[in-house]
Amino acid sequence: RILAYQLTQTYGREQILEWYLNTAWYGRNAYGVHAAAQ
């Protein structure tokens, strides 16, 4: 929670969303929105 607060204050919510969606797991070893869309 300390790191989450620091990340949000340092990089902002838009960057948090960008990082999150580029690392999210969508099944079948597809990590990130590009891999899942493909």
PDB file of all heavy atoms in Angstrom:
ATOM      1  N   ARG A   1       0.816  -1.210   0.000  1.00  0.00           N
ATOM      2  CA  ARG A   1       0.000   0.000   0.000  1.00  0.00           C
ATOM      3  C   ARG A   1       0.853   1.264   0.000  1.00  0.00           C
ATOM      4  O   ARG A   1       0.482   2.269  -0.626  1.00  0.00           O
ATOM      5  CB  ARG A   1      -0.958  -0.033   1.197  1.00  0.00           C
ATOM      6  CG  ARG A   1      -2.126  -0.985   0.965  1.00  0.00           C
ATOM      7  CD  ARG A   1      -2.786  -1.470   2.239  1.00  0.00           C
ATOM      8  NE  ARG A   1      -3.980  -2.261   1.934  1.00  0.00           N
ATOM      9  CZ  ARG A   1      -3.951  -3.531   1.550  1.00  0.00           C
ATOM     10  NH1 ARG A   1      -2.784  -4.162   1.410  1.00  0.00           N
ATOM     11  NH2 ARG A   1      -5.074  -4.174   1.283  1.00  0.00           N
ATOM     12  N   ILE A   2       1.985   1.222   0.663  1.00  0.00           N
ATOM     13  CA  ILE A   2       2.904   2.365   0.609  1.00  0.00           C
ATOM     14  C   ILE A   2       3.380   2.588  -0.820  1.00  0.00           C
ATOM     15  O   ILE A   2       3.383   3.708  -1.338  1.00  0.00           O
ATOM     16  CB  ILE A   2       4.099   2.132   1.559  1.00  0.00           C
ATOM     17  CG1 ILE A   2       3.642   2.151   3.019  1.00  0.00           C
ATOM     18  CG2 ILE A   2       5.174   3.200   1.336  1.00  0.00           C
ATOM     19  CD1 ILE A   2       4.727   1.783   4.006  1.00  0.00           C
ATOM     20  N   LEU A   3       3.786   1.510  -1.479  1.00  0.00           N
ATOM     21  CA  LEU A   3       4.254   1.622  -2.862  1.00  0.00           C
ATOM     22  C   LEU A   3       3.134   2.066  -3.797  1.00  0.00           C
ATOM     23  O   LEU A   3       3.364   2.864  -4.707  1.00  0.00           O
ATOM     24  CB  LEU A   3       4.816   0.276  -3.326  1.00  0.00           C
ATOM     25  CG  LEU A   3       6.199  -0.101  -2.803  1.00  0.00           C
ATOM     26  CD1 LEU A   3       6.523  -1.545  -3.169  1.00  0.00           C
ATOM     27  CD2 LEU A   3       7.262   0.833  -3.349  1.00  0.00           C
ATOM     28  N   ALA A   4       1.928   1.560  -3.567  1.00  0.00           N
ATOM     29  CA  ALA A   4       0.805   1.952  -4.421  1.00  0.00           C
ATOM     30  C   ALA A   4       0.532   3.446  -4.309  1.00  0.00           C
ATOM     31  O   ALA A   4       0.270   4.114  -5.321  1.00  0.00           O
ATOM     32  CB  ALA A   4      -0.435   1.150  -4.036  1.00  0.00           C
ATOM     33  N   TYR A   5       0.605   3.965  -3.103  1.00  0.00           N
ATOM     34  CA  TYR A   5       0.411   5.409  -2.908  1.00  0.00           C
ATOM     35  C   TYR A   5       1.518   6.194  -3.611  1.00  0.00           C
ATOM     36  O   TYR A   5       1.252   7.181  -4.305  1.00  0.00           O
ATOM     37  CB  TYR A   5       0.402   5.730  -1.411  1.00  0.00           C
ATOM     38  CG  TYR A   5       0.388   7.208  -1.109  1.00  0.00           C
ATOM     39  CD1 TYR A   5      -0.793   7.942  -1.198  1.00  0.00           C
ATOM     40  CD2 TYR A   5       1.559   7.877  -0.750  1.00  0.00           C
ATOM     41  CE1 TYR A   5      -0.803   9.304  -0.936  1.00  0.00           C
ATOM     42  CE2 TYR A   5       1.557   9.238  -0.496  1.00  0.00           C
ATOM     43  CZ  TYR A   5       0.361   9.946  -0.592  1.00  0.00           C
ATOM     44  OH  TYR A   5       0.363  11.301  -0.337  1.00  0.00           O
ATOM     45  N   GLN A   6       2.763   5.750  -3.440  1.00  0.00           N
ATOM     46  CA  GLN A   6       3.886   6.451  -4.058  1.00  0.00           C
ATOM     47  C   GLN A   6       3.804   6.400  -5.585  1.00  0.00           C
ATOM     48  O   GLN A   6       4.080   7.402  -6.265  1.00  0.00           O
ATOM     49  CB  GLN A   6       5.207   5.844  -3.578  1.00  0.00           C
ATOM     50  CG  GLN A   6       5.485   6.067  -2.099  1.00  0.00           C
ATOM     51  CD  GLN A   6       6.761   5.379  -1.638  1.00  0.00           C
ATOM     52  OE1 GLN A   6       7.329   4.542  -2.341  1.00  0.00           O
ATOM     53  NE2 GLN A   6       7.220   5.714  -0.446  1.00  0.00           N
ATOM     54  N   LEU A   7       3.424   5.244  -6.124  1.00  0.00           N
ATOM     55  CA  LEU A   7       3.297   5.114  -7.578  1.00  0.00           C
ATOM     56  C   LEU A   7       2.235   6.067  -8.126  1.00  0.00           C
ATOM     57  O   LEU A   7       2.443   6.733  -9.147  1.00  0.00           O
ATOM     58  CB  LEU A   7       2.932   3.674  -7.955  1.00  0.00           C
ATOM     59  CG  LEU A   7       4.047   2.632  -7.861  1.00  0.00           C
ATOM     60  CD1 LEU A   7       3.480   1.236  -8.022  1.00  0.00           C
ATOM     61  CD2 LEU A   7       5.121   2.894  -8.906  1.00  0.00           C
ATOM     62  N   THR A   8       1.107   6.121  -7.449  1.00  0.00           N
ATOM     63  CA  THR A   8       0.013   6.981  -7.917  1.00  0.00           C
ATOM     64  C   THR A   8       0.404   8.452  -7.841  1.00  0.00           C
ATOM     65  O   THR A   8       0.126   9.226  -8.768  1.00  0.00           O
ATOM     66  CB  THR A   8      -1.246   6.722  -7.076  1.00  0.00           C
ATOM     67  OG1 THR A   8      -1.589   5.333  -7.153  1.00  0.00           O
ATOM     68  CG2 THR A   8      -2.417   7.544  -7.587  1.00  0.00           C
ATOM     69  N   GLN A   9       1.058   8.846  -6.747  1.00  0.00           N
ATOM     70  CA  GLN A   9       1.452  10.248  -6.596  1.00  0.00           C
ATOM     71  C   GLN A   9       2.569  10.627  -7.561  1.00  0.00           C
ATOM     72  O   GLN A   9       2.632  11.770  -8.031  1.00  0.00           O
ATOM     73  CB  GLN A   9       1.906  10.510  -5.152  1.00  0.00           C
ATOM     74  CG  GLN A   9       0.830  10.283  -4.108  1.00  0.00           C
ATOM     75  CD  GLN A   9      -0.401  11.137  -4.354  1.00  0.00           C
ATOM     76  OE1 GLN A   9      -0.304  12.344  -4.542  1.00  0.00           O
ATOM     77  NE2 GLN A   9      -1.576  10.504  -4.368  1.00  0.00           N
ATOM     78  N   THR A  10       3.441   9.688  -7.867  1.00  0.00           N
ATOM     79  CA  THR A  10       4.600   9.992  -8.706  1.00  0.00           C
ATOM     80  C   THR A  10       4.257   9.972 -10.192  1.00  0.00           C
ATOM     81  O   THR A  10       4.663  10.862 -10.950  1.00  0.00           O
ATOM     82  CB  THR A  10       5.740   8.992  -8.426  1.00  0.00           C
ATOM     83  OG1 THR A  10       6.073   9.044  -7.037  1.00  0.00           O
ATOM     84  CG2 THR A  10       6.981   9.342  -9.251  1.00  0.00           C
ATOM     85  N   TYR A  11       3.500   8.970 -10.624  1.00  0.00           N
ATOM     86  CA  TYR A  11       3.282   8.769 -12.059  1.00  0.00           C
ATOM     87  C   TYR A  11       1.871   9.109 -12.541  1.00  0.00           C
ATOM     88  O   TYR A  11       1.670   9.288 -13.741  1.00  0.00           O
ATOM     89  CB  TYR A  11       3.609   7.325 -12.431  1.00  0.00           C
ATOM     90  CG  TYR A  11       5.053   6.962 -12.207  1.00  0.00           C
ATOM     91  CD1 TYR A  11       5.441   6.161 -11.138  1.00  0.00           C
ATOM     92  CD2 TYR A  11       6.046   7.438 -13.057  1.00  0.00           C
ATOM     93  CE1 TYR A  11       6.773   5.829 -10.925  1.00  0.00           C
ATOM     94  CE2 TYR A  11       7.385   7.111 -12.854  1.00  0.00           C
ATOM     95  CZ  TYR A  11       7.739   6.308 -11.781  1.00  0.00           C
ATOM     96  OH  TYR A  11       9.056   5.993 -11.576  1.00  0.00           O
ATOM     97  N   GLY A  12       0.912   9.180 -11.651  1.00  0.00           N
ATOM     98  CA  GLY A  12      -0.441   9.526 -12.059  1.00  0.00           C
ATOM     99  C   GLY A  12      -1.265   8.322 -12.479  1.00  0.00           C
ATOM    100  O   GLY A  12      -0.742   7.246 -12.785  1.00  0.00           O
ATOM    101  N   ARG A  13      -2.566   8.510 -12.530  1.00  0.00           N
ATOM    102  CA  ARG A  13      -3.491   7.410 -12.778  1.00  0.00           C
ATOM    103  C   ARG A  13      -3.423   6.916 -14.220  1.00  0.00           C
ATOM    104  O   ARG A  13      -3.598   5.728 -14.491  1.00  0.00           O
ATOM    105  CB  ARG A  13      -4.903   7.837 -12.409  1.00  0.00           C
ATOM    106  CG  ARG A  13      -5.032   8.202 -10.941  1.00  0.00           C
ATOM    107  CD  ARG A  13      -6.418   8.662 -10.565  1.00  0.00           C
ATOM    108  NE  ARG A  13      -6.378   9.331  -9.272  1.00  0.00           N
ATOM    109  CZ  ARG A  13      -6.406   8.704  -8.095  1.00  0.00           C
ATOM    110  NH1 ARG A  13      -6.501   7.387  -8.058  1.00  0.00           N
ATOM    111  NH2 ARG A  13      -6.365   9.376  -6.971  1.00  0.00           N
ATOM    112  N   GLU A  14      -3.203   7.805 -15.164  1.00  0.00           N
ATOM    113  CA  GLU A  14      -3.137   7.381 -16.554  1.00  0.00           C
ATOM    114  C   GLU A  14      -1.975   6.422 -16.780  1.00  0.00           C
ATOM    115  O   GLU A  14      -2.124   5.405 -17.470  1.00  0.00           O
ATOM    116  CB  GLU A  14      -2.997   8.610 -17.454  1.00  0.00           C
ATOM    117  CG  GLU A  14      -3.021   8.289 -18.938  1.00  0.00           C
ATOM    118  CD  GLU A  14      -2.984   9.534 -19.800  1.00  0.00           C
ATOM    119  OE1 GLU A  14      -3.918  10.350 -19.666  1.00  0.00           O
ATOM    120  OE2 GLU A  14      -2.034   9.691 -20.600  1.00  0.00           O
ATOM    121  N   GLN A  15      -0.825   6.714 -16.175  1.00  0.00           N
ATOM    122  CA  GLN A  15       0.330   5.830 -16.313  1.00  0.00           C
ATOM    123  C   GLN A  15       0.085   4.501 -15.613  1.00  0.00           C
ATOM    124  O   GLN A  15       0.492   3.432 -16.111  1.00  0.00           O
ATOM    125  CB  GLN A  15       1.575   6.497 -15.747  1.00  0.00           C
ATOM    126  CG  GLN A  15       2.854   5.685 -15.928  1.00  0.00           C
ATOM    127  CD  GLN A  15       3.225   5.507 -17.380  1.00  0.00           C
ATOM    128  OE1 GLN A  15       3.757   6.411 -18.011  1.00  0.00           O
ATOM    129  NE2 GLN A  15       2.945   4.324 -17.932  1.00  0.00           N
ATOM    130  N   ILE A  16      -0.568   4.548 -14.459  1.00  0.00           N
ATOM    131  CA  ILE A  16      -0.915   3.317 -13.750  1.00  0.00           C
ATOM    132  C   ILE A  16      -1.771   2.421 -14.647  1.00  0.00           C
ATOM    133  O   ILE A  16      -1.531   1.214 -14.770  1.00  0.00           O
ATOM    134  CB  ILE A  16      -1.663   3.626 -12.442  1.00  0.00           C
ATOM    135  CG1 ILE A  16      -0.754   4.378 -11.457  1.00  0.00           C
ATOM    136  CG2 ILE A  16      -2.200   2.342 -11.799  1.00  0.00           C
ATOM    137  CD1 ILE A  16       0.425   3.603 -10.963  1.00  0.00           C
ATOM    138  N   LEU A  17      -2.774   2.993 -15.288  1.00  0.00           N
ATOM    139  CA  LEU A  17      -3.636   2.223 -16.189  1.00  0.00           C
ATOM    140  C   LEU A  17      -2.846   1.655 -17.365  1.00  0.00           C
ATOM    141  O   LEU A  17      -3.045   0.501 -17.765  1.00  0.00           O
ATOM    142  CB  LEU A  17      -4.776   3.099 -16.689  1.00  0.00           C
ATOM    143  CG  LEU A  17      -5.985   3.232 -15.768  1.00  0.00           C
ATOM    144  CD1 LEU A  17      -6.889   4.375 -16.223  1.00  0.00           C
ATOM    145  CD2 LEU A  17      -6.764   1.927 -15.704  1.00  0.00           C
ATOM    146  N   GLU A  18      -1.968   2.456 -17.937  1.00  0.00           N
ATOM    147  CA  GLU A  18      -1.177   1.990 -19.075  1.00  0.00           C
ATOM    148  C   GLU A  18      -0.312   0.806 -18.680  1.00  0.00           C
ATOM    149  O   GLU A  18      -0.272  -0.209 -19.390  1.00  0.00           O
ATOM    150  CB  GLU A  18      -0.320   3.141 -19.591  1.00  0.00           C
ATOM    151  CG  GLU A  18       0.538   2.771 -20.803  1.00  0.00           C
ATOM    152  CD  GLU A  18       1.312   3.971 -21.323  1.00  0.00           C
ATOM    153  OE1 GLU A  18       0.677   4.987 -21.663  1.00  0.00           O
ATOM    154  OE2 GLU A  18       2.562   3.898 -21.370  1.00  0.00           O
ATOM    155  N   TRP A  19       0.394   0.918 -17.565  1.00  0.00           N
ATOM    156  CA  TRP A  19       1.229  -0.193 -17.104  1.00  0.00           C
ATOM    157  C   TRP A  19       0.373  -1.422 -16.781  1.00  0.00           C
ATOM    158  O   TRP A  19       0.733  -2.550 -17.126  1.00  0.00           O
ATOM    159  CB  TRP A  19       2.020   0.222 -15.874  1.00  0.00           C
ATOM    160  CG  TRP A  19       3.194   1.087 -16.186  1.00  0.00           C
ATOM    161  CD1 TRP A  19       3.865   1.182 -17.373  1.00  0.00           C
ATOM    162  CD2 TRP A  19       3.855   1.990 -15.288  1.00  0.00           C
ATOM    163  NE1 TRP A  19       4.893   2.084 -17.280  1.00  0.00           N
ATOM    164  CE2 TRP A  19       4.922   2.590 -16.012  1.00  0.00           C
ATOM    165  CE3 TRP A  19       3.658   2.350 -13.964  1.00  0.00           C
ATOM    166  CZ2 TRP A  19       5.771   3.513 -15.439  1.00  0.00           C
ATOM    167  CZ3 TRP A  19       4.508   3.280 -13.385  1.00  0.00           C
ATOM    168  CH2 TRP A  19       5.557   3.850 -14.121  1.00  0.00           C
ATOM    169  N   TYR A  20      -0.739  -1.190 -16.118  1.00  0.00           N
ATOM    170  CA  TYR A  20      -1.576  -2.312 -15.703  1.00  0.00           C
ATOM    171  C   TYR A  20      -2.079  -3.099 -16.905  1.00  0.00           C
ATOM    172  O   TYR A  20      -2.007  -4.334 -16.937  1.00  0.00           O
ATOM    173  CB  TYR A  20      -2.747  -1.792 -14.877  1.00  0.00           C
ATOM    174  CG  TYR A  20      -3.580  -2.885 -14.256  1.00  0.00           C
ATOM    175  CD1 TYR A  20      -3.238  -3.420 -13.022  1.00  0.00           C
ATOM    176  CD2 TYR A  20      -4.706  -3.391 -14.896  1.00  0.00           C
ATOM    177  CE1 TYR A  20      -3.982  -4.427 -12.444  1.00  0.00           C
ATOM    178  CE2 TYR A  20      -5.462  -4.401 -14.331  1.00  0.00           C
ATOM    179  CZ  TYR A  20      -5.090  -4.918 -13.106  1.00  0.00           C
ATOM    180  OH  TYR A  20      -5.827  -5.932 -12.542  1.00  0.00           O
ATOM    181  N   LEU A  21      -2.573  -2.398 -17.919  1.00  0.00           N
ATOM    182  CA  LEU A  21      -3.148  -3.079 -19.081  1.00  0.00           C
ATOM    183  C   LEU A  21      -2.077  -3.696 -19.979  1.00  0.00           C
ATOM    184  O   LEU A  21      -2.392  -4.549 -20.808  1.00  0.00           O
ATOM    185  CB  LEU A  21      -4.009  -2.102 -19.878  1.00  0.00           C
ATOM    186  CG  LEU A  21      -5.310  -1.714 -19.166  1.00  0.00           C
ATOM    187  CD1 LEU A  21      -5.984  -0.550 -19.863  1.00  0.00           C
ATOM    188  CD2 LEU A  21      -6.248  -2.904 -19.075  1.00  0.00           C
ATOM    189  N   ASN A  22      -0.832  -3.306 -19.820  1.00  0.00           N
ATOM    190  CA  ASN A  22       0.250  -3.923 -20.577  1.00  0.00           C
ATOM    191  C   ASN A  22       0.862  -5.111 -19.847  1.00  0.00           C
ATOM    192  O   ASN A  22       1.750  -5.783 -20.393  1.00  0.00           O
ATOM    193  CB  ASN A  22       1.338  -2.895 -20.886  1.00  0.00           C
ATOM    194  CG  ASN A  22       1.043  -2.107 -22.151  1.00  0.00           C
ATOM    195  OD1 ASN A  22       1.253  -2.578 -23.260  1.00  0.00           O
ATOM    196  ND2 ASN A  22       0.523  -0.897 -21.980  1.00  0.00           N
ATOM    197  N   THR A  23       0.399  -5.383 -18.623  1.00  0.00           N
ATOM    198  CA  THR A  23       0.904  -6.539 -17.873  1.00  0.00           C
ATOM    199  C   THR A  23      -0.205  -7.475 -17.419  1.00  0.00           C
ATOM    200  O   THR A  23       0.076  -8.539 -16.860  1.00  0.00           O
ATOM    201  CB  THR A  23       1.688  -6.081 -16.632  1.00  0.00           C
ATOM    202  OG1 THR A  23       0.838  -5.259 -15.810  1.00  0.00           O
ATOM    203  CG2 THR A  23       2.915  -5.281 -17.017  1.00  0.00           C
ATOM    204  N   ALA A  24      -1.462  -7.113 -17.650  1.00  0.00           N
ATOM    205  CA  ALA A  24      -2.579  -7.935 -17.187  1.00  0.00           C
ATOM    206  C   ALA A  24      -2.570  -9.296 -17.879  1.00  0.00           C
ATOM    207  O   ALA A  24      -2.220  -9.417 -19.052  1.00  0.00           O
ATOM    208  CB  ALA A  24      -3.901  -7.212 -17.452  1.00  0.00           C
ATOM    209  N   TRP A  25      -2.980 -10.311 -17.156  1.00  0.00           N
ATOM    210  CA  TRP A  25      -3.026 -11.676 -17.689  1.00  0.00           C
ATOM    211  C   TRP A  25      -4.436 -11.953 -18.194  1.00  0.00           C
ATOM    212  O   TRP A  25      -5.425 -11.807 -17.472  1.00  0.00           O
ATOM    213  CB  TRP A  25      -2.652 -12.680 -16.605  1.00  0.00           C
ATOM    214  CG  TRP A  25      -2.675 -14.107 -17.075  1.00  0.00           C
ATOM    215  CD1 TRP A  25      -2.382 -14.566 -18.317  1.00  0.00           C
ATOM    216  CD2 TRP A  25      -3.018 -15.262 -16.301  1.00  0.00           C
ATOM    217  NE1 TRP A  25      -2.509 -15.943 -18.383  1.00  0.00           N
ATOM    218  CE2 TRP A  25      -2.901 -16.383 -17.160  1.00  0.00           C
ATOM    219  CE3 TRP A  25      -3.395 -15.453 -14.979  1.00  0.00           C
ATOM    220  CZ2 TRP A  25      -3.165 -17.679 -16.720  1.00  0.00           C
ATOM    221  CZ3 TRP A  25      -3.658 -16.741 -14.540  1.00  0.00           C
ATOM    222  CH2 TRP A  25      -3.534 -17.846 -15.396  1.00  0.00           C
ATOM    223  N   TYR A  26      -4.527 -12.399 -19.457  1.00  0.00           N
ATOM    224  CA  TYR A  26      -5.808 -12.661 -20.082  1.00  0.00           C
ATOM    225  C   TYR A  26      -5.988 -14.137 -20.434  1.00  0.00           C
ATOM    226  O   TYR A  26      -6.821 -14.478 -21.269  1.00  0.00           O
ATOM    227  CB  TYR A  26      -5.956 -11.808 -21.351  1.00  0.00           C
ATOM    228  CG  TYR A  26      -6.011 -10.333 -21.052  1.00  0.00           C
ATOM    229  CD1 TYR A  26      -4.869  -9.534 -21.180  1.00  0.00           C
ATOM    230  CD2 TYR A  26      -7.193  -9.733 -20.645  1.00  0.00           C
ATOM    231  CE1 TYR A  26      -4.924  -8.176 -20.900  1.00  0.00           C
ATOM    232  CE2 TYR A  26      -7.250  -8.370 -20.367  1.00  0.00           C
ATOM    233  CZ  TYR A  26      -6.114  -7.598 -20.492  1.00  0.00           C
ATOM    234  OH  TYR A  26      -6.163  -6.254 -20.214  1.00  0.00           O
ATOM    235  N   GLY A  27      -5.228 -15.007 -19.803  1.00  0.00           N
ATOM    236  CA  GLY A  27      -5.340 -16.436 -20.072  1.00  0.00           C
ATOM    237  C   GLY A  27      -4.392 -16.887 -21.167  1.00  0.00           C
ATOM    238  O   GLY A  27      -3.928 -16.103 -21.989  1.00  0.00           O
ATOM    239  N   ARG A  28      -4.074 -18.195 -21.170  1.00  0.00           N
ATOM    240  CA  ARG A  28      -3.229 -18.807 -22.208  1.00  0.00           C
ATOM    241  C   ARG A  28      -1.900 -18.072 -22.405  1.00  0.00           C
ATOM    242  O   ARG A  28      -1.433 -17.877 -23.523  1.00  0.00           O
ATOM    243  CB  ARG A  28      -3.989 -18.876 -23.531  1.00  0.00           C
ATOM    244  CG  ARG A  28      -5.057 -19.951 -23.553  1.00  0.00           C
ATOM    245  CD  ARG A  28      -5.667 -20.145 -24.917  1.00  0.00           C
ATOM    246  NE  ARG A  28      -6.179 -21.520 -25.039  1.00  0.00           N
ATOM    247  CZ  ARG A  28      -5.528 -22.509 -25.624  1.00  0.00           C
ATOM    248  NH1 ARG A  28      -4.331 -22.297 -26.135  1.00  0.00           N
ATOM    249  NH2 ARG A  28      -6.047 -23.718 -25.694  1.00  0.00           N
ATOM    250  N   ASN A  29      -1.284 -17.658 -21.315  1.00  0.00           N
ATOM    251  CA  ASN A  29       0.014 -16.981 -21.357  1.00  0.00           C
ATOM    252  C   ASN A  29      -0.012 -15.691 -22.172  1.00  0.00           C
ATOM    253  O   ASN A  29       1.030 -15.252 -22.666  1.00  0.00           O
ATOM    254  CB  ASN A  29       1.110 -17.914 -21.910  1.00  0.00           C
ATOM    255  CG  ASN A  29       1.565 -18.941 -20.897  1.00  0.00           C
ATOM    256  OD1 ASN A  29       1.607 -18.671 -19.703  1.00  0.00           O
ATOM    257  ND2 ASN A  29       1.899 -20.139 -21.357  1.00  0.00           N
ATOM    258  N   ALA A  30      -1.181 -15.089 -22.305  1.00  0.00           N
ATOM    259  CA  ALA A  30      -1.291 -13.796 -22.990  1.00  0.00           C
ATOM    260  C   ALA A  30      -1.244 -12.693 -21.940  1.00  0.00           C
ATOM    261  O   ALA A  30      -2.217 -12.482 -21.206  1.00  0.00           O
ATOM    262  CB  ALA A  30      -2.581 -13.715 -23.787  1.00  0.00           C
ATOM    263  N   TYR A  31      -0.111 -12.012 -21.863  1.00  0.00           N
ATOM    264  CA  TYR A  31       0.075 -10.916 -20.915  1.00  0.00           C
ATOM    265  C   TYR A  31       0.098  -9.601 -21.690  1.00  0.00           C
ATOM    266  O   TYR A  31       0.886  -9.428 -22.612  1.00  0.00           O
ATOM    267  CB  TYR A  31       1.368 -11.082 -20.125  1.00  0.00           C
ATOM    268  CG  TYR A  31       1.286 -12.173 -19.087  1.00  0.00           C
ATOM    269  CD1 TYR A  31       1.628 -13.488 -19.389  1.00  0.00           C
ATOM    270  CD2 TYR A  31       0.838 -11.892 -17.804  1.00  0.00           C
ATOM    271  CE1 TYR A  31       1.534 -14.489 -18.435  1.00  0.00           C
ATOM    272  CE2 TYR A  31       0.744 -12.888 -16.837  1.00  0.00           C
ATOM    273  CZ  TYR A  31       1.093 -14.182 -17.166  1.00  0.00           C
ATOM    274  OH  TYR A  31       0.991 -15.177 -16.224  1.00  0.00           O
ATOM    275  N   GLY A  32      -0.781  -8.707 -21.310  1.00  0.00           N
ATOM    276  CA  GLY A  32      -0.862  -7.426 -21.988  1.00  0.00           C
ATOM    277  C   GLY A  32      -1.969  -7.417 -23.024  1.00  0.00           C
ATOM    278  O   GLY A  32      -2.312  -8.441 -23.629  1.00  0.00           O
ATOM    279  N   VAL A  33      -2.530  -6.227 -23.242  1.00  0.00           N
ATOM    280  CA  VAL A  33      -3.693  -6.102 -24.119  1.00  0.00           C
ATOM    281  C   VAL A  33      -3.347  -6.442 -25.564  1.00  0.00           C
ATOM    282  O   VAL A  33      -4.180  -6.990 -26.290  1.00  0.00           O
ATOM    283  CB  VAL A  33      -4.282  -4.680 -24.000  1.00  0.00           C
ATOM    284  CG1 VAL A  33      -3.268  -3.624 -24.367  1.00  0.00           C
ATOM    285  CG2 VAL A  33      -5.520  -4.526 -24.870  1.00  0.00           C
ATOM    286  N   HIS A  34      -2.131  -6.161 -26.006  1.00  0.00           N
ATOM    287  CA  HIS A  34      -1.772  -6.470 -27.388  1.00  0.00           C
ATOM    288  C   HIS A  34      -1.745  -7.978 -27.620  1.00  0.00           C
ATOM    289  O   HIS A  34      -2.288  -8.480 -28.616  1.00  0.00           O
ATOM    290  CB  HIS A  34      -0.413  -5.863 -27.743  1.00  0.00           C
ATOM    291  CG  HIS A  34      -0.041  -6.037 -29.185  1.00  0.00           C
ATOM    292  ND1 HIS A  34       0.573  -7.178 -29.658  1.00  0.00           N
ATOM    293  CD2 HIS A  34      -0.202  -5.224 -30.267  1.00  0.00           C
ATOM    294  CE1 HIS A  34       0.770  -7.071 -30.958  1.00  0.00           C
ATOM    295  NE2 HIS A  34       0.310  -5.896 -31.356  1.00  0.00           N
ATOM    296  N   ALA A  35      -1.115  -8.710 -26.712  1.00  0.00           N
ATOM    297  CA  ALA A  35      -1.063 -10.168 -26.854  1.00  0.00           C
ATOM    298  C   ALA A  35      -2.457 -10.772 -26.830  1.00  0.00           C
ATOM    299  O   ALA A  35      -2.766 -11.694 -27.592  1.00  0.00           O
ATOM    300  CB  ALA A  35      -0.203 -10.767 -25.745  1.00  0.00           C
ATOM    301  N   ALA A  36      -3.327 -10.250 -25.961  1.00  0.00           N
ATOM    302  CA  ALA A  36      -4.683 -10.778 -25.870  1.00  0.00           C
ATOM    303  C   ALA A  36      -5.485 -10.468 -27.124  1.00  0.00           C
ATOM    304  O   ALA A  36      -6.229 -11.325 -27.627  1.00  0.00           O
ATOM    305  CB  ALA A  36      -5.376 -10.193 -24.637  1.00  0.00           C
ATOM    306  N   ALA A  37      -5.364  -9.239 -27.648  1.00  0.00           N
ATOM    307  CA  ALA A  37      -6.096  -8.869 -28.865  1.00  0.00           C
ATOM    308  C   ALA A  37      -5.657  -9.732 -30.043  1.00  0.00           C
ATOM    309  O   ALA A  37      -6.485 -10.156 -30.864  1.00  0.00           O
ATOM    310  CB  ALA A  37      -5.874  -7.390 -29.170  1.00  0.00           C
ATOM    311  N   GLN A  38      -4.365 -10.021 -30.118  1.00  0.00           N
ATOM    312  CA  GLN A  38      -3.861 -10.871 -31.192  1.00  0.00           C
ATOM    313  C   GLN A  38      -4.327 -12.311 -31.023  1.00  0.00           C
ATOM    314  O   GLN A  38      -4.736 -12.959 -31.991  1.00  0.00           O
ATOM    315  CB  GLN A  38      -2.337 -10.817 -31.209  1.00  0.00           C
ATOM    316  CG  GLN A  38      -1.752  -9.523 -31.743  1.00  0.00           C
ATOM    317  CD  GLN A  38      -1.856  -9.452 -33.258  1.00  0.00           C
ATOM    318  OE1 GLN A  38      -1.380 -10.320 -33.974  1.00  0.00           O
ATOM    319  NE2 GLN A  38      -2.512  -8.404 -33.750  1.00  0.00           N
TER     320      GLN A  38
END
